[in-house]
Amino acid sequence: MRRFGLVLALVLAGPVRAEDAVLDVARATVTLQDGRAVEVSEGCWLSAKRCVDTAREVRRLQVEKEELRQHAGGAPLVKVLVALALGAGLGFTVAQLVR
């Protein structure tokens, strides 16, 4: 019965658009379980299934990000200096050959 009341309140509150498991609200008054009324504007509510799916996807992306960080590693300073020296030496050699 409370769900019906919430839906009815949202529909009567103003422009509302619902797509799949997302409810887009322009303005509404929501009655909480403890009886308090809360004014909501410019909000978006997700269904319980959508919240769980979103949380699961966020967690999966965090794990993937951490794995990529671990595998990427940092370029050691020695490798960078060697590459820079080889590049400078090669550039100098090419410049001498062109002359």
PDB file of N, CA and C in Angstrom:
ATOM      1  N   MET A   1       0.824  -1.182   0.000  1.00  0.00           N
ATOM      2  CA  MET A   1       0.000   0.000   0.000  1.00  0.00           C
ATOM      3  C   MET A   1       0.880   1.262   0.000  1.00  0.00           C
ATOM      4  N   ARG A   2       1.995   1.219   0.716  1.00  0.00           N
ATOM      5  CA  ARG A   2       2.887   2.383   0.763  1.00  0.00           C
ATOM      6  C   ARG A   2       3.489   2.670  -0.599  1.00  0.00           C
ATOM      7  N   ARG A   3       3.822   1.603  -1.341  1.00  0.00           N
ATOM      8  CA  ARG A   3       4.392   1.799  -2.671  1.00  0.00           C
ATOM      9  C   ARG A   3       3.386   2.511  -3.573  1.00  0.00           C
ATOM     10  N   PHE A   4       2.123   2.098  -3.497  1.00  0.00           N
ATOM     11  CA  PHE A   4       1.093   2.733  -4.299  1.00  0.00           C
ATOM     12  C   PHE A   4       0.973   4.205  -3.927  1.00  0.00           C
ATOM     13  N   GLY A   5       1.033   4.501  -2.640  1.00  0.00           N
ATOM     14  CA  GLY A   5       0.960   5.887  -2.179  1.00  0.00           C
ATOM     15  C   GLY A   5       2.135   6.705  -2.682  1.00  0.00           C
ATOM     16  N   LEU A   6       3.325   6.117  -2.671  1.00  0.00           N
ATOM     17  CA  LEU A   6       4.525   6.805  -3.154  1.00  0.00           C
ATOM     18  C   LEU A   6       4.395   7.079  -4.645  1.00  0.00           C
ATOM     19  N   VAL A   7       3.980   6.093  -5.402  1.00  0.00           N
ATOM     20  CA  VAL A   7       3.832   6.270  -6.838  1.00  0.00           C
ATOM     21  C   VAL A   7       2.782   7.326  -7.134  1.00  0.00           C
ATOM     22  N   LEU A   8       1.667   7.265  -6.421  1.00  0.00           N
ATOM     23  CA  LEU A   8       0.605   8.247  -6.615  1.00  0.00           C
ATOM     24  C   LEU A   8       1.099   9.653  -6.284  1.00  0.00           C
ATOM     25  N   ALA A   9       1.840   9.796  -5.205  1.00  0.00           N
ATOM     26  CA  ALA A   9       2.377  11.098  -4.816  1.00  0.00           C
ATOM     27  C   ALA A   9       3.344  11.622  -5.875  1.00  0.00           C
ATOM     28  N   LEU A  10       4.161  10.748  -6.422  1.00  0.00           N
ATOM     29  CA  LEU A  10       5.118  11.163  -7.443  1.00  0.00           C
ATOM     30  C   LEU A  10       4.417  11.578  -8.728  1.00  0.00           C
ATOM     31  N   VAL A  11       3.385  10.848  -9.092  1.00  0.00           N
ATOM     32  CA  VAL A  11       2.659  11.176 -10.321  1.00  0.00           C
ATOM     33  C   VAL A  11       1.939  12.508 -10.183  1.00  0.00           C
ATOM     34  N   LEU A  12       1.371  12.762  -9.030  1.00  0.00           N
ATOM     35  CA  LEU A  12       0.644  14.004  -8.819  1.00  0.00           C
ATOM     36  C   LEU A  12       1.560  15.194  -8.553  1.00  0.00           C
ATOM     37  N   ALA A  13       2.823  14.925  -8.227  1.00  0.00           N
ATOM     38  CA  ALA A  13       3.740  15.984  -7.831  1.00  0.00           C
ATOM     39  C   ALA A  13       4.165  16.872  -8.990  1.00  0.00           C
ATOM     40  N   GLY A  14       4.234  16.359 -10.161  1.00  0.00           N
ATOM     41  CA  GLY A  14       4.684  17.171 -11.285  1.00  0.00           C
ATOM     42  C   GLY A  14       5.153  16.288 -12.406  1.00  0.00           C
ATOM     43  N   PRO A  15       5.883  16.869 -13.353  1.00  0.00           N
ATOM     44  CA  PRO A  15       6.349  16.094 -14.495  1.00  0.00           C
ATOM     45  C   PRO A  15       7.266  14.959 -14.049  1.00  0.00           C
ATOM     46  N   VAL A  16       6.915  13.771 -14.443  1.00  0.00           N
ATOM     47  CA  VAL A  16       7.691  12.591 -14.074  1.00  0.00           C
ATOM     48  C   VAL A  16       7.878  11.752 -15.324  1.00  0.00           C
ATOM     49  N   ARG A  17       9.063  11.225 -15.494  1.00  0.00           N
ATOM     50  CA  ARG A  17       9.334  10.345 -16.620  1.00  0.00           C
ATOM     51  C   ARG A  17       9.969   9.073 -16.092  1.00  0.00           C
ATOM     52  N   ALA A  18       9.429   7.939 -16.456  1.00  0.00           N
ATOM     53  CA  ALA A  18       9.977   6.655 -16.014  1.00  0.00           C
ATOM     54  C   ALA A  18      10.393   5.840 -17.222  1.00  0.00           C
ATOM     55  N   GLU A  19      11.621   5.367 -17.202  1.00  0.00           N
ATOM     56  CA  GLU A  19      12.127   4.499 -18.251  1.00  0.00           C
ATOM     57  C   GLU A  19      12.799   3.317 -17.584  1.00  0.00           C
ATOM     58  N   ASP A  20      12.374   2.137 -17.950  1.00  0.00           N
ATOM     59  CA  ASP A  20      12.910   0.908 -17.379  1.00  0.00           C
ATOM     60  C   ASP A  20      12.847   0.961 -15.857  1.00  0.00           C
ATOM     61  N   ALA A  21      14.006   0.939 -15.214  1.00  0.00           N
ATOM     62  CA  ALA A  21      14.056   0.900 -13.761  1.00  0.00           C
ATOM     63  C   ALA A  21      14.504   2.232 -13.177  1.00  0.00           C
ATOM     64  N   VAL A  22      14.362   3.322 -13.950  1.00  0.00           N
ATOM     65  CA  VAL A  22      14.791   4.643 -13.504  1.00  0.00           C
ATOM     66  C   VAL A  22      13.581   5.564 -13.479  1.00  0.00           C
ATOM     67  N   LEU A  23      13.451   6.306 -12.400  1.00  0.00           N
ATOM     68  CA  LEU A  23      12.348   7.248 -12.258  1.00  0.00           C
ATOM     69  C   LEU A  23      12.945   8.645 -12.158  1.00  0.00           C
ATOM     70  N   ASP A  24      12.661   9.475 -13.150  1.00  0.00           N
ATOM     71  CA  ASP A  24      13.175  10.836 -13.202  1.00  0.00           C
ATOM     72  C   ASP A  24      12.100  11.763 -12.638  1.00  0.00           C
ATOM     73  N   VAL A  25      12.442  12.514 -11.588  1.00  0.00           N
ATOM     74  CA  VAL A  25      11.457  13.334 -10.884  1.00  0.00           C
ATOM     75  C   VAL A  25      11.858  14.802 -10.969  1.00  0.00           C
ATOM     76  N   ALA A  26      10.909  15.643 -11.344  1.00  0.00           N
ATOM     77  CA  ALA A  26      11.157  17.084 -11.367  1.00  0.00           C
ATOM     78  C   ALA A  26      10.926  17.677  -9.980  1.00  0.00           C
ATOM     79  N   ARG A  27       9.820  17.262  -9.317  1.00  0.00           N
ATOM     80  CA  ARG A  27       9.513  17.754  -7.980  1.00  0.00           C
ATOM     81  C   ARG A  27       8.539  16.772  -7.337  1.00  0.00           C
ATOM     82  N   ALA A  28       8.747  16.459  -6.056  1.00  0.00           N
ATOM     83  CA  ALA A  28       7.864  15.508  -5.387  1.00  0.00           C
ATOM     84  C   ALA A  28       7.966  15.668  -3.878  1.00  0.00           C
ATOM     85  N   THR A  29       6.930  15.205  -3.190  1.00  0.00           N
ATOM     86  CA  THR A  29       6.945  15.102  -1.736  1.00  0.00           C
ATOM     87  C   THR A  29       6.916  13.617  -1.400  1.00  0.00           C
ATOM     88  N   VAL A  30       7.913  13.174  -0.690  1.00  0.00           N
ATOM     89  CA  VAL A  30       8.040  11.756  -0.359  1.00  0.00           C
ATOM     90  C   VAL A  30       7.816  11.591   1.138  1.00  0.00           C
ATOM     91  N   THR A  31       6.982  10.614   1.502  1.00  0.00           N
ATOM     92  CA  THR A  31       6.752  10.291   2.908  1.00  0.00           C
ATOM     93  C   THR A  31       7.642   9.108   3.275  1.00  0.00           C
ATOM     94  N   LEU A  32       8.524   9.320   4.235  1.00  0.00           N
ATOM     95  CA  LEU A  32       9.435   8.276   4.659  1.00  0.00           C
ATOM     96  C   LEU A  32       8.718   7.277   5.570  1.00  0.00           C
ATOM     97  N   GLN A  33       9.393   6.161   5.861  1.00  0.00           N
ATOM     98  CA  GLN A  33       8.781   5.123   6.682  1.00  0.00           C
ATOM     99  C   GLN A  33       8.472   5.594   8.096  1.00  0.00           C
ATOM    100  N   ASP A  34       9.238   6.541   8.587  1.00  0.00           N
ATOM    101  CA  ASP A  34       8.988   7.035   9.946  1.00  0.00           C
ATOM    102  C   ASP A  34       7.935   8.147   9.969  1.00  0.00           C
ATOM    103  N   GLY A  35       7.333   8.455   8.820  1.00  0.00           N
ATOM    104  CA  GLY A  35       6.248   9.420   8.774  1.00  0.00           C
ATOM    105  C   GLY A  35       6.642  10.825   8.366  1.00  0.00           C
ATOM    106  N   ARG A  36       7.939  11.114   8.298  1.00  0.00           N
ATOM    107  CA  ARG A  36       8.380  12.447   7.887  1.00  0.00           C
ATOM    108  C   ARG A  36       8.142  12.650   6.394  1.00  0.00           C
ATOM    109  N   ALA A  37       7.811  13.872   6.014  1.00  0.00           N
ATOM    110  CA  ALA A  37       7.639  14.220   4.602  1.00  0.00           C
ATOM    111  C   ALA A  37       8.867  14.994   4.141  1.00  0.00           C
ATOM    112  N   VAL A  38       9.398  14.623   2.994  1.00  0.00           N
ATOM    113  CA  VAL A  38      10.606  15.241   2.471  1.00  0.00           C
ATOM    114  C   VAL A  38      10.311  15.763   1.069  1.00  0.00           C
ATOM    115  N   GLU A  39      10.689  17.019   0.819  1.00  0.00           N
ATOM    116  CA  GLU A  39      10.548  17.607  -0.507  1.00  0.00           C
ATOM    117  C   GLU A  39      11.755  17.200  -1.355  1.00  0.00           C
ATOM    118  N   VAL A  40      11.514  16.736  -2.551  1.00  0.00           N
ATOM    119  CA  VAL A  40      12.573  16.305  -3.459  1.00  0.00           C
ATOM    120  C   VAL A  40      12.409  17.064  -4.763  1.00  0.00           C
ATOM    121  N   SER A  41      13.523  17.580  -5.285  1.00  0.00           N
ATOM    122  CA  SER A  41      13.469  18.240  -6.587  1.00  0.00           C
ATOM    123  C   SER A  41      14.658  17.802  -7.424  1.00  0.00           C
ATOM    124  N   GLU A  42      14.418  17.719  -8.723  1.00  0.00           N
ATOM    125  CA  GLU A  42      15.462  17.360  -9.670  1.00  0.00           C
ATOM    126  C   GLU A  42      16.198  16.096  -9.241  1.00  0.00           C
ATOM    127  N   GLY A  43      15.463  15.018  -9.078  1.00  0.00           N
ATOM    128  CA  GLY A  43      16.079  13.779  -8.620  1.00  0.00           C
ATOM    129  C   GLY A  43      15.860  12.641  -9.585  1.00  0.00           C
ATOM    130  N   CYS A  44      16.528  11.568  -9.296  1.00  0.00           N
ATOM    131  CA  CYS A  44      16.411  10.352 -10.089  1.00  0.00           C
ATOM    132  C   CYS A  44      16.504   9.179  -9.130  1.00  0.00           C
ATOM    133  N   TRP A  45      15.509   8.309  -9.162  1.00  0.00           N
ATOM    134  CA  TRP A  45      15.515   7.132  -8.305  1.00  0.00           C
ATOM    135  C   TRP A  45      15.686   5.892  -9.146  1.00  0.00           C
ATOM    136  N   LEU A  46      16.437   4.949  -8.615  1.00  0.00           N
ATOM    137  CA  LEU A  46      16.661   3.679  -9.287  1.00  0.00           C
ATOM    138  C   LEU A  46      15.901   2.591  -8.554  1.00  0.00           C
ATOM    139  N   SER A  47      15.492   1.580  -9.289  1.00  0.00           N
ATOM    140  CA  SER A  47      14.853   0.436  -8.655  1.00  0.00           C
ATOM    141  C   SER A  47      15.914  -0.310  -7.843  1.00  0.00           C
ATOM    142  N   ALA A  48      15.474  -1.174  -6.948  1.00  0.00           N
ATOM    143  CA  ALA A  48      16.417  -1.938  -6.121  1.00  0.00           C
ATOM    144  C   ALA A  48      17.334  -2.781  -6.998  1.00  0.00           C
ATOM    145  N   LYS A  49      16.780  -3.400  -8.036  1.00  0.00           N
ATOM    146  CA  LYS A  49      17.597  -4.220  -8.939  1.00  0.00           C
ATOM    147  C   LYS A  49      18.635  -3.362  -9.648  1.00  0.00           C
ATOM    148  N   ARG A  50      18.242  -2.182 -10.109  1.00  0.00           N
ATOM    149  CA  ARG A  50      19.169  -1.290 -10.800  1.00  0.00           C
ATOM    150  C   ARG A  50      20.263  -0.817  -9.862  1.00  0.00           C
ATOM    151  N   CYS A  51      19.929  -0.544  -8.584  1.00  0.00           N
ATOM    152  CA  CYS A  51      20.942  -0.130  -7.593  1.00  0.00           C
ATOM    153  C   CYS A  51      21.971  -1.232  -7.382  1.00  0.00           C
ATOM    154  N   VAL A  52      21.504  -2.465  -7.249  1.00  0.00           N
ATOM    155  CA  VAL A  52      22.409  -3.595  -7.039  1.00  0.00           C
ATOM    156  C   VAL A  52      23.288  -3.787  -8.264  1.00  0.00           C
ATOM    157  N   ASP A  53      22.701  -3.713  -9.452  1.00  0.00           N
ATOM    158  CA  ASP A  53      23.482  -3.864 -10.687  1.00  0.00           C
ATOM    159  C   ASP A  53      24.530  -2.762 -10.818  1.00  0.00           C
ATOM    160  N   THR A  54      24.146  -1.534 -10.484  1.00  0.00           N
ATOM    161  CA  THR A  54      25.077  -0.409 -10.575  1.00  0.00           C
ATOM    162  C   THR A  54      26.219  -0.571  -9.572  1.00  0.00           C
ATOM    163  N   ALA A  55      25.894  -0.962  -8.357  1.00  0.00           N
ATOM    164  CA  ALA A  55      26.932  -1.170  -7.341  1.00  0.00           C
ATOM    165  C   ALA A  55      27.884  -2.289  -7.760  1.00  0.00           C
ATOM    166  N   ARG A  56      27.340  -3.341  -8.332  1.00  0.00           N
ATOM    167  CA  ARG A  56      28.166  -4.460  -8.795  1.00  0.00           C
ATOM    168  C   ARG A  56      29.097  -4.001  -9.924  1.00  0.00           C
ATOM    169  N   GLU A  57      28.593  -3.187 -10.849  1.00  0.00           N
ATOM    170  CA  GLU A  57      29.401  -2.690 -11.953  1.00  0.00           C
ATOM    171  C   GLU A  57      30.490  -1.743 -11.454  1.00  0.00           C
ATOM    172  N   VAL A  58      30.168  -0.886 -10.495  1.00  0.00           N
ATOM    173  CA  VAL A  58      31.167   0.019  -9.921  1.00  0.00           C
ATOM    174  C   VAL A  58      32.277  -0.783  -9.256  1.00  0.00           C
ATOM    175  N   ARG A  59      31.912  -1.811  -8.515  1.00  0.00           N
ATOM    176  CA  ARG A  59      32.913  -2.650  -7.843  1.00  0.00           C
ATOM    177  C   ARG A  59      33.792  -3.358  -8.874  1.00  0.00           C
ATOM    178  N   ARG A  60      33.182  -3.877  -9.955  1.00  0.00           N
ATOM    179  CA  ARG A  60      33.943  -4.560 -10.999  1.00  0.00           C
ATOM    180  C   ARG A  60      34.946  -3.597 -11.640  1.00  0.00           C
ATOM    181  N   LEU A  61      34.518  -2.366 -11.899  1.00  0.00           N
ATOM    182  CA  LEU A  61      35.411  -1.376 -12.497  1.00  0.00           C
ATOM    183  C   LEU A  61      36.545  -0.982 -11.554  1.00  0.00           C
ATOM    184  N   GLN A  62      36.262  -0.919 -10.244  1.00  0.00           N
ATOM    185  CA  GLN A  62      37.318  -0.610  -9.278  1.00  0.00           C
ATOM    186  C   GLN A  62      38.374  -1.708  -9.259  1.00  0.00           C
ATOM    187  N   VAL A  63      37.936  -2.963  -9.298  1.00  0.00           N
ATOM    188  CA  VAL A  63      38.873  -4.090  -9.306  1.00  0.00           C
ATOM    189  C   VAL A  63      39.699  -4.069 -10.593  1.00  0.00           C
ATOM    190  N   GLU A  64      39.048  -3.803 -11.723  1.00  0.00           N
ATOM    191  CA  GLU A  64      39.752  -3.750 -13.001  1.00  0.00           C
ATOM    192  C   GLU A  64      40.781  -2.614 -13.004  1.00  0.00           C
ATOM    193  N   LYS A  65      40.408  -1.471 -12.451  1.00  0.00           N
ATOM    194  CA  LYS A  65      41.330  -0.333 -12.373  1.00  0.00           C
ATOM    195  C   LYS A  65      42.551  -0.677 -11.534  1.00  0.00           C
ATOM    196  N   GLU A  66      42.326  -1.337 -10.415  1.00  0.00           N
ATOM    197  CA  GLU A  66      43.439  -1.717  -9.533  1.00  0.00           C
ATOM    198  C   GLU A  66      44.364  -2.718 -10.221  1.00  0.00           C
ATOM    199  N   GLU A  67      43.786  -3.679 -10.949  1.00  0.00           N
ATOM    200  CA  GLU A  67      44.604  -4.646 -11.681  1.00  0.00           C
ATOM    201  C   GLU A  67      45.441  -3.958 -12.749  1.00  0.00           C
ATOM    202  N   LEU A  68      44.848  -3.006 -13.457  1.00  0.00           N
ATOM    203  CA  LEU A  68      45.605  -2.278 -14.479  1.00  0.00           C
ATOM    204  C   LEU A  68      46.734  -1.460 -13.871  1.00  0.00           C
ATOM    205  N   ARG A  69      46.482  -0.878 -12.719  1.00  0.00           N
ATOM    206  CA  ARG A  69      47.550  -0.109 -12.040  1.00  0.00           C
ATOM    207  C   ARG A  69      48.703  -1.013 -11.637  1.00  0.00           C
ATOM    208  N   GLN A  70      48.370  -2.207 -11.147  1.00  0.00           N
ATOM    209  CA  GLN A  70      49.416  -3.123 -10.709  1.00  0.00           C
ATOM    210  C   GLN A  70      50.240  -3.623 -11.881  1.00  0.00           C
ATOM    211  N   HIS A  71      49.597  -3.896 -13.007  1.00  0.00           N
ATOM    212  CA  HIS A  71      50.307  -4.422 -14.163  1.00  0.00           C
ATOM    213  C   HIS A  71      51.071  -3.349 -14.916  1.00  0.00           C
ATOM    214  N   ALA A  72      50.602  -2.115 -14.846  1.00  0.00           N
ATOM    215  CA  ALA A  72      51.256  -1.039 -15.587  1.00  0.00           C
ATOM    216  C   ALA A  72      52.622  -0.722 -15.003  1.00  0.00           C
ATOM    217  N   GLY A  73      52.688  -0.617 -13.702  1.00  0.00           N
ATOM    218  CA  GLY A  73      53.952  -0.280 -13.066  1.00  0.00           C
ATOM    219  C   GLY A  73      54.458   1.079 -13.533  1.00  0.00           C
ATOM    220  N   GLY A  74      55.529   1.502 -12.982  1.00  0.00           N
ATOM    221  CA  GLY A  74      56.108   2.778 -13.378  1.00  0.00           C
ATOM    222  C   GLY A  74      57.358   2.538 -14.202  1.00  0.00           C
ATOM    223  N   ALA A  75      57.696   3.465 -15.064  1.00  0.00           N
ATOM    224  CA  ALA A  75      58.922   3.351 -15.843  1.00  0.00           C
ATOM    225  C   ALA A  75      60.081   3.735 -14.930  1.00  0.00           C
ATOM    226  N   PRO A  76      61.004   2.818 -14.724  1.00  0.00           N
ATOM    227  CA  PRO A  76      62.143   3.135 -13.862  1.00  0.00           C
ATOM    228  C   PRO A  76      62.970   4.283 -14.450  1.00  0.00           C
ATOM    229  N   LEU A  77      63.545   5.038 -13.590  1.00  0.00           N
ATOM    230  CA  LEU A  77      64.331   6.203 -13.986  1.00  0.00           C
ATOM    231  C   LEU A  77      65.482   5.809 -14.910  1.00  0.00           C
ATOM    232  N   VAL A  78      66.078   4.666 -14.666  1.00  0.00           N
ATOM    233  CA  VAL A  78      67.217   4.223 -15.485  1.00  0.00           C
ATOM    234  C   VAL A  78      66.776   4.013 -16.931  1.00  0.00           C
ATOM    235  N   LYS A  79      65.611   3.379 -17.133  1.00  0.00           N
ATOM    236  CA  LYS A  79      65.118   3.136 -18.489  1.00  0.00           C
ATOM    237  C   LYS A  79      64.832   4.453 -19.210  1.00  0.00           C
ATOM    238  N   VAL A  80      64.276   5.396 -18.500  1.00  0.00           N
ATOM    239  CA  VAL A  80      63.975   6.695 -19.104  1.00  0.00           C
ATOM    240  C   VAL A  80      65.263   7.408 -19.496  1.00  0.00           C
ATOM    241  N   LEU A  81      66.245   7.392 -18.630  1.00  0.00           N
ATOM    242  CA  LEU A  81      67.524   8.056 -18.933  1.00  0.00           C
ATOM    243  C   LEU A  81      68.240   7.384 -20.090  1.00  0.00           C
ATOM    244  N   VAL A  82      68.223   6.055 -20.163  1.00  0.00           N
ATOM    245  CA  VAL A  82      68.861   5.331 -21.271  1.00  0.00           C
ATOM    246  C   VAL A  82      68.160   5.672 -22.585  1.00  0.00           C
ATOM    247  N   ALA A  83      66.826   5.678 -22.570  1.00  0.00           N
ATOM    248  CA  ALA A  83      66.082   6.017 -23.783  1.00  0.00           C
ATOM    249  C   ALA A  83      66.377   7.442 -24.223  1.00  0.00           C
ATOM    250  N   LEU A  84      66.462   8.356 -23.275  1.00  0.00           N
ATOM    251  CA  LEU A  84      66.771   9.749 -23.596  1.00  0.00           C
ATOM    252  C   LEU A  84      68.174   9.875 -24.178  1.00  0.00           C
ATOM    253  N   ALA A  85      69.133   9.165 -23.594  1.00  0.00           N
ATOM    254  CA  ALA A  85      70.518   9.213 -24.101  1.00  0.00           C
ATOM    255  C   ALA A  85      70.605   8.609 -25.496  1.00  0.00           C
ATOM    256  N   LEU A  86      69.932   7.483 -25.726  1.00  0.00           N
ATOM    257  CA  LEU A  86      69.952   6.872 -27.053  1.00  0.00           C
ATOM    258  C   LEU A  86      69.293   7.782 -28.089  1.00  0.00           C
ATOM    259  N   GLY A  87      68.210   8.409 -27.718  1.00  0.00           N
ATOM    260  CA  GLY A  87      67.534   9.328 -28.635  1.00  0.00           C
ATOM    261  C   GLY A  87      68.398  10.519 -28.974  1.00  0.00           C
ATOM    262  N   ALA A  88      69.048  11.088 -27.973  1.00  0.00           N
ATOM    263  CA  ALA A  88      69.936  12.238 -28.213  1.00  0.00           C
ATOM    264  C   ALA A  88      71.124  11.823 -29.065  1.00  0.00           C
ATOM    265  N   GLY A  89      71.689  10.669 -28.771  1.00  0.00           N
ATOM    266  CA  GLY A  89      72.832  10.179 -29.557  1.00  0.00           C
ATOM    267  C   GLY A  89      72.450   9.900 -30.993  1.00  0.00           C
ATOM    268  N   LEU A  90      71.292   9.283 -31.190  1.00  0.00           N
ATOM    269  CA  LEU A  90      70.825   8.997 -32.538  1.00  0.00           C
ATOM    270  C   LEU A  90      70.532  10.291 -33.290  1.00  0.00           C
ATOM    271  N   GLY A  91      69.928  11.245 -32.621  1.00  0.00           N
ATOM    272  CA  GLY A  91      69.650  12.532 -33.244  1.00  0.00           C
ATOM    273  C   GLY A  91      70.934  13.260 -33.628  1.00  0.00           C
ATOM    274  N   PHE A  92      71.945  13.227 -32.776  1.00  0.00           N
ATOM    275  CA  PHE A  92      73.227  13.859 -33.064  1.00  0.00           C
ATOM    276  C   PHE A  92      73.898  13.188 -34.251  1.00  0.00           C
ATOM    277  N   THR A  93      73.843  11.841 -34.300  1.00  0.00           N
ATOM    278  CA  THR A  93      74.465  11.091 -35.389  1.00  0.00           C
ATOM    279  C   THR A  93      73.787  11.421 -36.706  1.00  0.00           C
ATOM    280  N   VAL A  94      72.469  11.462 -36.729  1.00  0.00           N
ATOM    281  CA  VAL A  94      71.731  11.786 -37.948  1.00  0.00           C
ATOM    282  C   VAL A  94      72.061  13.208 -38.384  1.00  0.00           C
ATOM    283  N   ALA A  95      72.183  14.132 -37.474  1.00  0.00           N
ATOM    284  CA  ALA A  95      72.497  15.522 -37.802  1.00  0.00           C
ATOM    285  C   ALA A  95      73.893  15.607 -38.414  1.00  0.00           C
ATOM    286  N   GLN A  96      74.854  14.821 -37.906  1.00  0.00           N
ATOM    287  CA  GLN A  96      76.214  14.836 -38.448  1.00  0.00           C
ATOM    288  C   GLN A  96      76.249  14.229 -39.845  1.00  0.00           C
ATOM    289  N   LEU A  97      75.457  13.196 -40.076  1.00  0.00           N
ATOM    290  CA  LEU A  97      75.419  12.561 -41.396  1.00  0.00           C
ATOM    291  C   LEU A  97      74.770  13.468 -42.441  1.00  0.00           C
ATOM    292  N   VAL A  98      73.799  14.244 -42.029  1.00  0.00           N
ATOM    293  CA  VAL A  98      73.113  15.144 -42.948  1.00  0.00           C
ATOM    294  C   VAL A  98      74.060  16.237 -43.404  1.00  0.00           C
ATOM    295  N   ARG A  99      74.933  16.695 -42.549  1.00  0.00           N
ATOM    296  CA  ARG A  99      75.893  17.768 -42.901  1.00  0.00           C
ATOM    297  C   ARG A  99      76.871  17.187 -43.867  1.00  0.00           C
TER     298      ARG A  99
END
